[in-house]
Amino acid sequence: MTTRPSTHPTKRRPSRTIILLLILLLAALLRFYRLDAQSFWNDEGNSARLAERSVALILKGAAGDIHPPGYYLALHAWRAVLGESEFALRSLSALCGLSIVVLVYALGRALFDAPVGLVAAFLAAVNPFQVYYSQEARMYALLALEAVAATGLLVAGLRGRRGALGGYALVAAAGLYTHYAFPFVLLAHNLLVLLWLAGEARWHLGLVRETPASFLARWLVVQALVLLLYLPWLPTAWRQVTGWPVPRETPALLPALVEVLRLLTLGRTIPTSAAMGSLAAFAFLILLSALPGPEAADGAAPSPLPPAGEEMLTLA
């Protein structure tokens, strides 16, 4: 007796590529919609004025600023192609913000799997903090893009991908030329490498064909290369960072952490007093992410990081 085939149409799930494209479309709409609705504010005006100068004058101007010249040089080249309108100059940041979504997907897929990558990409696409600075003619979207790109190249380097650490050195140097806070990204990456090396005997997954000592030697060479690439600007950076006026009073640690969590998760428009419930939920999710997760799916590449390293990336 044969079974009659079902006449009901089979429901097909949308492919991951289609989902990713829809997420990117959403991200683009959020970043490019009414990009020129407001005129430049003071800091954006500073970006526009510096970008219209020659390369030599940009370097001279940045030497007296609290930001290095990398973004201004990139905006100078961007302006030469697209012009100097609000939309044109802000579109560089918008494109950086859109690229962040792509790289966050790739990083989530590399560390976990494609569904995790899609969720991470969606969260990056709608994150108010990311959207806000993707619509501003300042260096913060470019800074975030370089941080995500460097992290992805580090993960690829831990997995033994050829050329990944060389690319890391170039991106890391570009990050240093973009913002004086980028050394904190390098510090986090070095902590991740130390965690990986310290746990290699226990967490060995056969991901690379070299010993931890061999990787450490290559990593130190990469760090030296980053320093060498940044050496021409290092004296200026030291003078500006150590000599720039700072507030006399520093905020208490706990309120500062709450404020950072509010900005990174809910953006600038929701006051802290109205966001305490949401902030508590986000803090709980961050702590929850520290718990051991399920094993990697069959055929999926395991993460090159021990759990503590993955938790650091979650916080990032």
C-alpha atoms as a PDB file:
ATOM      1  CA  MET A   1       0.000   0.000   0.000  1.00  0.00           C
ATOM      2  CA  THR A   2       1.485   3.299  -1.061  1.00  0.00           C
ATOM      3  CA  THR A   3       1.076   6.557   0.759  1.00  0.00           C
ATOM      4  CA  ARG A   4      -0.431   9.397  -1.195  1.00  0.00           C
ATOM      5  CA  PRO A   5       1.966  12.321  -1.301  1.00  0.00           C
ATOM      6  CA  SER A   6       0.857  15.369   0.617  1.00  0.00           C
ATOM      7  CA  THR A   7      -0.815  18.049  -1.443  1.00  0.00           C
ATOM      8  CA  HIS A   8      -0.095  20.747   1.132  1.00  0.00           C
ATOM      9  CA  PRO A   9       2.671  23.111   0.052  1.00  0.00           C
ATOM     10  CA  THR A  10       5.862  22.800   2.054  1.00  0.00           C
ATOM     11  CA  LYS A  11       6.710  25.927   3.989  1.00  0.00           C
ATOM     12  CA  ARG A  12      10.204  27.060   3.156  1.00  0.00           C
ATOM     13  CA  ARG A  13      12.170  29.100   5.599  1.00  0.00           C
ATOM     14  CA  PRO A  14      13.815  32.201   4.184  1.00  0.00           C
ATOM     15  CA  SER A  15      17.482  31.626   3.486  1.00  0.00           C
ATOM     16  CA  ARG A  16      20.091  33.156   5.750  1.00  0.00           C
ATOM     17  CA  THR A  17      21.285  35.302   2.861  1.00  0.00           C
ATOM     18  CA  ILE A  18      17.823  36.827   2.441  1.00  0.00           C
ATOM     19  CA  ILE A  19      17.539  37.445   6.184  1.00  0.00           C
ATOM     20  CA  LEU A  20      20.954  39.116   6.224  1.00  0.00           C
ATOM     21  CA  LEU A  21      20.010  41.294   3.246  1.00  0.00           C
ATOM     22  CA  LEU A  22      16.810  42.364   5.009  1.00  0.00           C
ATOM     23  CA  ILE A  23      18.809  43.229   8.126  1.00  0.00           C
ATOM     24  CA  LEU A  24      21.218  45.268   6.013  1.00  0.00           C
ATOM     25  CA  LEU A  25      18.296  47.036   4.330  1.00  0.00           C
ATOM     26  CA  LEU A  26      16.909  47.939   7.749  1.00  0.00           C
ATOM     27  CA  ALA A  27      20.337  49.136   8.878  1.00  0.00           C
ATOM     28  CA  ALA A  28      20.719  51.272   5.757  1.00  0.00           C
ATOM     29  CA  LEU A  29      17.279  52.839   6.199  1.00  0.00           C
ATOM     30  CA  LEU A  30      17.995  53.704   9.824  1.00  0.00           C
ATOM     31  CA  ARG A  31      21.343  55.268   8.948  1.00  0.00           C
ATOM     32  CA  PHE A  32      20.641  57.085   5.677  1.00  0.00           C
ATOM     33  CA  TYR A  33      17.055  58.254   6.305  1.00  0.00           C
ATOM     34  CA  ARG A  34      17.005  62.045   6.822  1.00  0.00           C
ATOM     35  CA  LEU A  35      20.771  62.016   7.085  1.00  0.00           C
ATOM     36  CA  ASP A  36      20.878  65.722   6.247  1.00  0.00           C
ATOM     37  CA  ALA A  37      17.795  66.751   8.243  1.00  0.00           C
ATOM     38  CA  GLN A  38      19.900  68.806  10.660  1.00  0.00           C
ATOM     39  CA  SER A  39      22.743  71.168   9.953  1.00  0.00           C
ATOM     40  CA  PHE A  40      26.224  70.457  11.250  1.00  0.00           C
ATOM     41  CA  TRP A  41      26.751  71.034  14.948  1.00  0.00           C
ATOM     42  CA  ASN A  42      30.006  72.375  16.378  1.00  0.00           C
ATOM     43  CA  ASP A  43      32.145  69.203  16.269  1.00  0.00           C
ATOM     44  CA  GLU A  44      30.858  68.242  12.818  1.00  0.00           C
ATOM     45  CA  GLY A  45      31.699  71.733  11.615  1.00  0.00           C
ATOM     46  CA  ASN A  46      35.227  71.167  12.875  1.00  0.00           C
ATOM     47  CA  SER A  47      35.363  67.941  10.838  1.00  0.00           C
ATOM     48  CA  ALA A  48      34.138  69.754   7.717  1.00  0.00           C
ATOM     49  CA  ARG A  49      36.658  72.588   8.080  1.00  0.00           C
ATOM     50  CA  LEU A  50      39.600  70.263   8.655  1.00  0.00           C
ATOM     51  CA  ALA A  51      38.596  67.977   5.779  1.00  0.00           C
ATOM     52  CA  GLU A  52      38.609  70.853   3.272  1.00  0.00           C
ATOM     53  CA  ARG A  53      42.274  71.613   3.951  1.00  0.00           C
ATOM     54  CA  SER A  54      45.332  70.072   2.323  1.00  0.00           C
ATOM     55  CA  VAL A  55      46.873  66.937   3.782  1.00  0.00           C
ATOM     56  CA  ALA A  56      49.723  68.940   5.313  1.00  0.00           C
ATOM     57  CA  LEU A  57      47.309  71.364   6.986  1.00  0.00           C
ATOM     58  CA  ILE A  58      45.130  68.494   8.222  1.00  0.00           C
ATOM     59  CA  LEU A  59      48.155  66.959   9.931  1.00  0.00           C
ATOM     60  CA  LYS A  60      49.051  70.337  11.413  1.00  0.00           C
ATOM     61  CA  GLY A  61      45.495  70.925  12.633  1.00  0.00           C
ATOM     62  CA  ALA A  62      45.173  67.442  14.129  1.00  0.00           C
ATOM     63  CA  ALA A  63      48.442  67.969  15.992  1.00  0.00           C
ATOM     64  CA  GLY A  64      46.621  70.617  18.033  1.00  0.00           C
ATOM     65  CA  ASP A  65      43.387  68.634  18.394  1.00  0.00           C
ATOM     66  CA  ILE A  66      42.352  65.900  20.812  1.00  0.00           C
ATOM     67  CA  HIS A  67      41.780  63.539  17.873  1.00  0.00           C
ATOM     68  CA  PRO A  68      44.436  62.108  15.534  1.00  0.00           C
ATOM     69  CA  PRO A  69      44.310  62.798  11.778  1.00  0.00           C
ATOM     70  CA  GLY A  70      43.049  59.458  10.441  1.00  0.00           C
ATOM     71  CA  TYR A  71      39.349  60.301  10.184  1.00  0.00           C
ATOM     72  CA  TYR A  72      40.002  63.789   8.839  1.00  0.00           C
ATOM     73  CA  LEU A  73      42.220  62.365   6.090  1.00  0.00           C
ATOM     74  CA  ALA A  74      39.560  59.793   5.192  1.00  0.00           C
ATOM     75  CA  LEU A  75      36.892  62.510   5.144  1.00  0.00           C
ATOM     76  CA  HIS A  76      39.174  64.668   2.984  1.00  0.00           C
ATOM     77  CA  ALA A  77      39.321  61.911   0.352  1.00  0.00           C
ATOM     78  CA  TRP A  78      35.578  61.212   0.713  1.00  0.00           C
ATOM     79  CA  ARG A  79      34.770  64.915   0.273  1.00  0.00           C
ATOM     80  CA  ALA A  80      36.804  65.067  -2.932  1.00  0.00           C
ATOM     81  CA  VAL A  81      34.468  62.490  -4.480  1.00  0.00           C
ATOM     82  CA  LEU A  82      31.035  63.255  -2.989  1.00  0.00           C
ATOM     83  CA  GLY A  83      31.211  66.931  -2.065  1.00  0.00           C
ATOM     84  CA  GLU A  84      30.797  68.824   1.189  1.00  0.00           C
ATOM     85  CA  SER A  85      27.057  68.745   1.909  1.00  0.00           C
ATOM     86  CA  GLU A  86      25.732  67.403   5.202  1.00  0.00           C
ATOM     87  CA  PHE A  87      24.556  64.231   3.476  1.00  0.00           C
ATOM     88  CA  ALA A  88      27.866  63.726   1.676  1.00  0.00           C
ATOM     89  CA  LEU A  89      30.097  64.136   4.714  1.00  0.00           C
ATOM     90  CA  ARG A  90      27.845  62.157   7.051  1.00  0.00           C
ATOM     91  CA  SER A  91      27.477  59.341   4.529  1.00  0.00           C
ATOM     92  CA  LEU A  92      31.012  58.156   5.335  1.00  0.00           C
ATOM     93  CA  SER A  93      29.918  57.417   8.894  1.00  0.00           C
ATOM     94  CA  ALA A  94      26.663  55.870   7.653  1.00  0.00           C
ATOM     95  CA  LEU A  95      28.586  53.517   5.375  1.00  0.00           C
ATOM     96  CA  CYS A  96      30.921  52.612   8.243  1.00  0.00           C
ATOM     97  CA  GLY A  97      27.891  51.847  10.401  1.00  0.00           C
ATOM     98  CA  LEU A  98      26.423  49.630   7.698  1.00  0.00           C
ATOM     99  CA  SER A  99      29.738  47.808   7.323  1.00  0.00           C
ATOM    100  CA  ILE A 100      29.788  47.180  11.073  1.00  0.00           C
ATOM    101  CA  VAL A 101      26.576  45.149  10.732  1.00  0.00           C
ATOM    102  CA  VAL A 102      28.208  42.938   8.082  1.00  0.00           C
ATOM    103  CA  LEU A 103      31.330  42.366  10.177  1.00  0.00           C
ATOM    104  CA  VAL A 104      29.330  41.680  13.331  1.00  0.00           C
ATOM    105  CA  TYR A 105      27.459  38.974  11.423  1.00  0.00           C
ATOM    106  CA  ALA A 106      30.737  37.481  10.207  1.00  0.00           C
ATOM    107  CA  LEU A 107      32.227  37.563  13.712  1.00  0.00           C
ATOM    108  CA  GLY A 108      29.156  35.967  15.296  1.00  0.00           C
ATOM    109  CA  ARG A 109      29.146  33.245  12.665  1.00  0.00           C
ATOM    110  CA  ALA A 110      32.881  32.627  13.116  1.00  0.00           C
ATOM    111  CA  LEU A 111      32.664  32.338  16.898  1.00  0.00           C
ATOM    112  CA  PHE A 112      29.345  30.481  17.091  1.00  0.00           C
ATOM    113  CA  ASP A 113      27.146  29.841  14.031  1.00  0.00           C
ATOM    114  CA  ALA A 114      25.105  31.629  11.368  1.00  0.00           C
ATOM    115  CA  PRO A 115      21.917  32.093  13.465  1.00  0.00           C
ATOM    116  CA  VAL A 116      23.946  33.763  16.218  1.00  0.00           C
ATOM    117  CA  GLY A 117      25.573  35.932  13.571  1.00  0.00           C
ATOM    118  CA  LEU A 118      22.159  37.015  12.273  1.00  0.00           C
ATOM    119  CA  VAL A 119      20.921  37.909  15.759  1.00  0.00           C
ATOM    120  CA  ALA A 120      24.105  39.870  16.434  1.00  0.00           C
ATOM    121  CA  ALA A 121      23.772  41.667  13.089  1.00  0.00           C
ATOM    122  CA  PHE A 122      20.161  42.610  13.851  1.00  0.00           C
ATOM    123  CA  LEU A 123      21.116  43.976  17.269  1.00  0.00           C
ATOM    124  CA  ALA A 124      23.909  46.011  15.686  1.00  0.00           C
ATOM    125  CA  ALA A 125      21.530  47.256  12.982  1.00  0.00           C
ATOM    126  CA  VAL A 126      18.962  48.665  15.416  1.00  0.00           C
ATOM    127  CA  ASN A 127      21.283  49.700  18.251  1.00  0.00           C
ATOM    128  CA  PRO A 128      20.431  53.373  18.977  1.00  0.00           C
ATOM    129  CA  PHE A 129      24.016  54.220  19.902  1.00  0.00           C
ATOM    130  CA  GLN A 130      25.300  52.836  16.608  1.00  0.00           C
ATOM    131  CA  VAL A 131      22.590  54.569  14.587  1.00  0.00           C
ATOM    132  CA  TYR A 132      23.225  57.908  16.298  1.00  0.00           C
ATOM    133  CA  TYR A 133      26.927  57.997  15.534  1.00  0.00           C
ATOM    134  CA  SER A 134      26.419  56.575  12.048  1.00  0.00           C
ATOM    135  CA  GLN A 135      24.602  59.839  11.278  1.00  0.00           C
ATOM    136  CA  GLU A 136      27.322  62.139  12.574  1.00  0.00           C
ATOM    137  CA  ALA A 137      30.293  63.488  10.650  1.00  0.00           C
ATOM    138  CA  ARG A 138      32.739  62.398  13.311  1.00  0.00           C
ATOM    139  CA  MET A 139      35.158  59.521  13.708  1.00  0.00           C
ATOM    140  CA  TYR A 140      33.200  57.260  16.047  1.00  0.00           C
ATOM    141  CA  ALA A 141      31.548  55.004  13.447  1.00  0.00           C
ATOM    142  CA  LEU A 142      34.919  54.519  11.746  1.00  0.00           C
ATOM    143  CA  LEU A 143      36.475  53.753  15.131  1.00  0.00           C
ATOM    144  CA  ALA A 144      33.852  51.081  15.845  1.00  0.00           C
ATOM    145  CA  LEU A 145      34.316  49.586  12.379  1.00  0.00           C
ATOM    146  CA  GLU A 146      38.060  49.283  12.904  1.00  0.00           C
ATOM    147  CA  ALA A 147      37.548  47.718  16.335  1.00  0.00           C
ATOM    148  CA  VAL A 148      35.184  45.062  14.951  1.00  0.00           C
ATOM    149  CA  ALA A 149      37.427  44.408  11.943  1.00  0.00           C
ATOM    150  CA  ALA A 150      40.504  44.017  14.152  1.00  0.00           C
ATOM    151  CA  THR A 151      38.620  41.622  16.430  1.00  0.00           C
ATOM    152  CA  GLY A 152      37.555  39.501  13.474  1.00  0.00           C
ATOM    153  CA  LEU A 153      41.109  39.376  12.153  1.00  0.00           C
ATOM    154  CA  LEU A 154      42.365  38.386  15.604  1.00  0.00           C
ATOM    155  CA  VAL A 155      39.920  35.469  15.730  1.00  0.00           C
ATOM    156  CA  ALA A 156      41.003  34.452  12.229  1.00  0.00           C
ATOM    157  CA  GLY A 157      44.634  34.659  13.330  1.00  0.00           C
ATOM    158  CA  LEU A 158      43.957  32.427  16.328  1.00  0.00           C
ATOM    159  CA  ARG A 159      42.539  29.905  13.875  1.00  0.00           C
ATOM    160  CA  GLY A 160      45.681  30.014  11.786  1.00  0.00           C
ATOM    161  CA  ARG A 161      44.286  31.916   8.784  1.00  0.00           C
ATOM    162  CA  ARG A 162      47.170  33.008   6.615  1.00  0.00           C
ATOM    163  CA  GLY A 163      47.618  36.770   6.428  1.00  0.00           C
ATOM    164  CA  ALA A 164      45.076  37.509   9.170  1.00  0.00           C
ATOM    165  CA  LEU A 165      47.588  38.893  11.643  1.00  0.00           C
ATOM    166  CA  GLY A 166      49.194  41.053   8.961  1.00  0.00           C
ATOM    167  CA  GLY A 167      45.781  42.517   8.225  1.00  0.00           C
ATOM    168  CA  TYR A 168      45.266  42.952  11.954  1.00  0.00           C
ATOM    169  CA  ALA A 169      48.407  45.077  12.205  1.00  0.00           C
ATOM    170  CA  LEU A 170      47.215  47.404   9.436  1.00  0.00           C
ATOM    171  CA  VAL A 171      43.708  47.791  10.872  1.00  0.00           C
ATOM    172  CA  ALA A 172      45.033  48.286  14.407  1.00  0.00           C
ATOM    173  CA  ALA A 173      47.401  51.007  13.222  1.00  0.00           C
ATOM    174  CA  ALA A 174      44.516  52.676  11.377  1.00  0.00           C
ATOM    175  CA  GLY A 175      42.512  52.556  14.608  1.00  0.00           C
ATOM    176  CA  LEU A 176      45.302  54.304  16.487  1.00  0.00           C
ATOM    177  CA  TYR A 177      45.329  57.039  13.856  1.00  0.00           C
ATOM    178  CA  THR A 178      41.536  57.376  14.217  1.00  0.00           C
ATOM    179  CA  HIS A 179      41.053  57.837  17.970  1.00  0.00           C
ATOM    180  CA  TYR A 180      43.214  58.019  21.069  1.00  0.00           C
ATOM    181  CA  ALA A 181      40.947  55.510  22.832  1.00  0.00           C
ATOM    182  CA  PHE A 182      41.891  52.694  20.445  1.00  0.00           C
ATOM    183  CA  PRO A 183      44.715  51.465  22.733  1.00  0.00           C
ATOM    184  CA  PHE A 184      41.959  50.112  24.995  1.00  0.00           C
ATOM    185  CA  VAL A 185      40.872  47.875  22.095  1.00  0.00           C
ATOM    186  CA  LEU A 186      44.452  46.653  21.745  1.00  0.00           C
ATOM    187  CA  LEU A 187      44.593  46.027  25.491  1.00  0.00           C
ATOM    188  CA  ALA A 188      41.437  43.900  25.300  1.00  0.00           C
ATOM    189  CA  HIS A 189      42.862  41.951  22.367  1.00  0.00           C
ATOM    190  CA  ASN A 190      46.094  41.256  24.216  1.00  0.00           C
ATOM    191  CA  LEU A 191      44.117  40.011  27.214  1.00  0.00           C
ATOM    192  CA  LEU A 192      42.198  37.684  24.896  1.00  0.00           C
ATOM    193  CA  VAL A 193      45.447  36.330  23.478  1.00  0.00           C
ATOM    194  CA  LEU A 194      46.830  35.756  26.977  1.00  0.00           C
ATOM    195  CA  LEU A 195      43.638  33.921  27.960  1.00  0.00           C
ATOM    196  CA  TRP A 196      43.934  31.749  24.873  1.00  0.00           C
ATOM    197  CA  LEU A 197      47.589  30.971  25.515  1.00  0.00           C
ATOM    198  CA  ALA A 198      47.043  30.272  29.216  1.00  0.00           C
ATOM    199  CA  GLY A 199      44.186  27.909  28.475  1.00  0.00           C
ATOM    200  CA  GLU A 200      45.657  26.230  25.428  1.00  0.00           C
ATOM    201  CA  ALA A 201      46.646  23.054  27.281  1.00  0.00           C
ATOM    202  CA  ARG A 202      43.142  22.746  28.671  1.00  0.00           C
ATOM    203  CA  TRP A 203      41.133  24.108  25.728  1.00  0.00           C
ATOM    204  CA  HIS A 204      43.209  22.681  22.900  1.00  0.00           C
ATOM    205  CA  LEU A 205      40.880  22.178  19.934  1.00  0.00           C
ATOM    206  CA  GLY A 206      43.332  21.509  17.157  1.00  0.00           C
ATOM    207  CA  LEU A 207      42.535  24.818  15.482  1.00  0.00           C
ATOM    208  CA  VAL A 208      46.113  25.795  14.656  1.00  0.00           C
ATOM    209  CA  ARG A 209      49.185  23.878  13.631  1.00  0.00           C
ATOM    210  CA  GLU A 210      51.638  25.783  15.788  1.00  0.00           C
ATOM    211  CA  THR A 211      52.504  25.793  19.456  1.00  0.00           C
ATOM    212  CA  PRO A 212      51.341  28.565  21.792  1.00  0.00           C
ATOM    213  CA  ALA A 213      54.944  29.758  22.058  1.00  0.00           C
ATOM    214  CA  SER A 214      55.173  30.066  18.280  1.00  0.00           C
ATOM    215  CA  PHE A 215      51.934  32.036  18.115  1.00  0.00           C
ATOM    216  CA  LEU A 216      53.077  34.300  20.957  1.00  0.00           C
ATOM    217  CA  ALA A 217      56.270  35.089  19.053  1.00  0.00           C
ATOM    218  CA  ARG A 218      54.277  36.013  15.944  1.00  0.00           C
ATOM    219  CA  TRP A 219      51.840  38.044  18.039  1.00  0.00           C
ATOM    220  CA  LEU A 220      54.674  40.070  19.578  1.00  0.00           C
ATOM    221  CA  VAL A 221      56.001  40.780  16.087  1.00  0.00           C
ATOM    222  CA  VAL A 222      52.533  41.995  15.083  1.00  0.00           C
ATOM    223  CA  GLN A 223      52.360  44.300  18.112  1.00  0.00           C
ATOM    224  CA  ALA A 224      55.804  45.663  17.259  1.00  0.00           C
ATOM    225  CA  LEU A 225      54.638  46.297  13.688  1.00  0.00           C
ATOM    226  CA  VAL A 226      51.592  48.204  14.963  1.00  0.00           C
ATOM    227  CA  LEU A 227      53.859  50.346  17.130  1.00  0.00           C
ATOM    228  CA  LEU A 228      56.246  50.922  14.227  1.00  0.00           C
ATOM    229  CA  LEU A 229      53.408  52.081  11.977  1.00  0.00           C
ATOM    230  CA  TYR A 230      52.202  54.485  14.663  1.00  0.00           C
ATOM    231  CA  LEU A 231      55.657  55.714  15.647  1.00  0.00           C
ATOM    232  CA  PRO A 232      55.574  58.901  13.493  1.00  0.00           C
ATOM    233  CA  TRP A 233      52.521  60.172  15.388  1.00  0.00           C
ATOM    234  CA  LEU A 234      53.380  58.780  18.828  1.00  0.00           C
ATOM    235  CA  PRO A 235      55.126  61.909  20.224  1.00  0.00           C
ATOM    236  CA  THR A 236      52.184  64.081  19.156  1.00  0.00           C
ATOM    237  CA  ALA A 237      49.699  61.602  20.609  1.00  0.00           C
ATOM    238  CA  TRP A 238      51.524  61.523  23.937  1.00  0.00           C
ATOM    239  CA  ARG A 239      51.648  65.313  24.122  1.00  0.00           C
ATOM    240  CA  GLN A 240      47.950  65.728  23.323  1.00  0.00           C
ATOM    241  CA  VAL A 241      46.677  62.956  25.589  1.00  0.00           C
ATOM    242  CA  THR A 242      48.769  63.990  28.594  1.00  0.00           C
ATOM    243  CA  GLY A 243      48.381  67.742  28.115  1.00  0.00           C
ATOM    244  CA  TRP A 244      44.702  68.101  27.180  1.00  0.00           C
ATOM    245  CA  PRO A 245      42.540  69.722  29.904  1.00  0.00           C
ATOM    246  CA  VAL A 246      40.401  67.252  31.855  1.00  0.00           C
ATOM    247  CA  PRO A 247      37.572  67.774  34.384  1.00  0.00           C
ATOM    248  CA  ARG A 248      38.788  68.186  37.939  1.00  0.00           C
ATOM    249  CA  GLU A 249      36.148  65.849  39.332  1.00  0.00           C
ATOM    250  CA  THR A 250      35.756  62.309  38.036  1.00  0.00           C
ATOM    251  CA  PRO A 251      32.389  60.511  38.336  1.00  0.00           C
ATOM    252  CA  ALA A 252      31.904  57.656  40.775  1.00  0.00           C
ATOM    253  CA  LEU A 253      32.473  54.212  39.294  1.00  0.00           C
ATOM    254  CA  LEU A 254      28.957  52.759  39.601  1.00  0.00           C
ATOM    255  CA  PRO A 255      27.089  55.752  38.093  1.00  0.00           C
ATOM    256  CA  ALA A 256      29.659  55.865  35.313  1.00  0.00           C
ATOM    257  CA  LEU A 257      29.126  52.172  34.512  1.00  0.00           C
ATOM    258  CA  VAL A 258      25.346  52.661  34.501  1.00  0.00           C
ATOM    259  CA  GLU A 259      25.715  55.621  32.147  1.00  0.00           C
ATOM    260  CA  VAL A 260      27.958  53.663  29.774  1.00  0.00           C
ATOM    261  CA  LEU A 261      25.503  50.753  29.747  1.00  0.00           C
ATOM    262  CA  ARG A 262      22.630  53.164  29.030  1.00  0.00           C
ATOM    263  CA  LEU A 263      24.434  54.802  26.132  1.00  0.00           C
ATOM    264  CA  LEU A 264      25.584  51.546  24.552  1.00  0.00           C
ATOM    265  CA  THR A 265      22.214  49.804  24.787  1.00  0.00           C
ATOM    266  CA  LEU A 266      19.471  52.446  24.748  1.00  0.00           C
ATOM    267  CA  GLY A 267      21.241  55.409  23.187  1.00  0.00           C
ATOM    268  CA  ARG A 268      21.379  59.060  24.197  1.00  0.00           C
ATOM    269  CA  THR A 269      17.691  59.989  24.137  1.00  0.00           C
ATOM    270  CA  ILE A 270      16.306  57.910  27.038  1.00  0.00           C
ATOM    271  CA  PRO A 271      17.214  59.347  30.472  1.00  0.00           C
ATOM    272  CA  THR A 272      18.746  57.059  33.059  1.00  0.00           C
ATOM    273  CA  SER A 273      15.806  57.485  35.442  1.00  0.00           C
ATOM    274  CA  ALA A 274      13.405  56.060  32.835  1.00  0.00           C
ATOM    275  CA  ALA A 275      15.688  53.233  31.776  1.00  0.00           C
ATOM    276  CA  MET A 276      16.636  51.444  35.003  1.00  0.00           C
ATOM    277  CA  GLY A 277      14.409  48.420  34.299  1.00  0.00           C
ATOM    278  CA  SER A 278      15.838  47.958  30.807  1.00  0.00           C
ATOM    279  CA  LEU A 279      19.379  48.436  32.085  1.00  0.00           C
ATOM    280  CA  ALA A 280      18.839  45.779  34.752  1.00  0.00           C
ATOM    281  CA  ALA A 281      17.577  43.390  32.063  1.00  0.00           C
ATOM    282  CA  PHE A 282      20.628  44.054  29.885  1.00  0.00           C
ATOM    283  CA  ALA A 283      22.950  43.529  32.853  1.00  0.00           C
ATOM    284  CA  PHE A 284      21.208  40.223  33.584  1.00  0.00           C
ATOM    285  CA  LEU A 285      21.655  39.102  29.969  1.00  0.00           C
ATOM    286  CA  ILE A 286      25.351  39.960  30.109  1.00  0.00           C
ATOM    287  CA  LEU A 287      25.770  37.884  33.272  1.00  0.00           C
ATOM    288  CA  LEU A 288      23.716  35.090  31.715  1.00  0.00           C
ATOM    289  CA  SER A 289      26.053  35.015  28.740  1.00  0.00           C
ATOM    290  CA  ALA A 290      28.864  33.968  31.092  1.00  0.00           C
ATOM    291  CA  LEU A 291      27.190  30.599  31.654  1.00  0.00           C
ATOM    292  CA  PRO A 292      28.445  27.639  29.593  1.00  0.00           C
ATOM    293  CA  GLY A 293      26.593  27.394  26.305  1.00  0.00           C
ATOM    294  CA  PRO A 294      25.689  24.396  24.149  1.00  0.00           C
ATOM    295  CA  GLU A 295      28.316  22.521  22.244  1.00  0.00           C
ATOM    296  CA  ALA A 296      29.078  23.661  18.732  1.00  0.00           C
ATOM    297  CA  ALA A 297      26.806  22.206  16.100  1.00  0.00           C
ATOM    298  CA  ASP A 298      28.083  19.383  13.934  1.00  0.00           C
ATOM    299  CA  GLY A 299      30.324  20.759  11.250  1.00  0.00           C
ATOM    300  CA  ALA A 300      30.642  24.164  12.927  1.00  0.00           C
ATOM    301  CA  ALA A 301      34.106  25.402  13.735  1.00  0.00           C
ATOM    302  CA  PRO A 302      34.570  25.653  17.496  1.00  0.00           C
ATOM    303  CA  SER A 303      35.533  28.956  19.009  1.00  0.00           C
ATOM    304  CA  PRO A 304      39.273  29.507  19.428  1.00  0.00           C
ATOM    305  CA  LEU A 305      38.663  31.256  22.745  1.00  0.00           C
ATOM    306  CA  PRO A 306      38.115  29.865  26.239  1.00  0.00           C
ATOM    307  CA  PRO A 307      34.802  30.841  27.888  1.00  0.00           C
ATOM    308  CA  ALA A 308      36.367  33.862  29.607  1.00  0.00           C
ATOM    309  CA  GLY A 309      37.520  35.152  26.233  1.00  0.00           C
ATOM    310  CA  GLU A 310      34.078  34.727  24.703  1.00  0.00           C
ATOM    311  CA  GLU A 311      32.614  36.628  27.654  1.00  0.00           C
ATOM    312  CA  MET A 312      34.972  39.523  26.999  1.00  0.00           C
ATOM    313  CA  LEU A 313      33.757  39.643  23.402  1.00  0.00           C
ATOM    314  CA  THR A 314      30.157  39.589  24.649  1.00  0.00           C
ATOM    315  CA  LEU A 315      30.857  42.626  26.822  1.00  0.00           C
ATOM    316  CA  ALA A 316      32.555  44.341  23.872  1.00  0.00           C
END
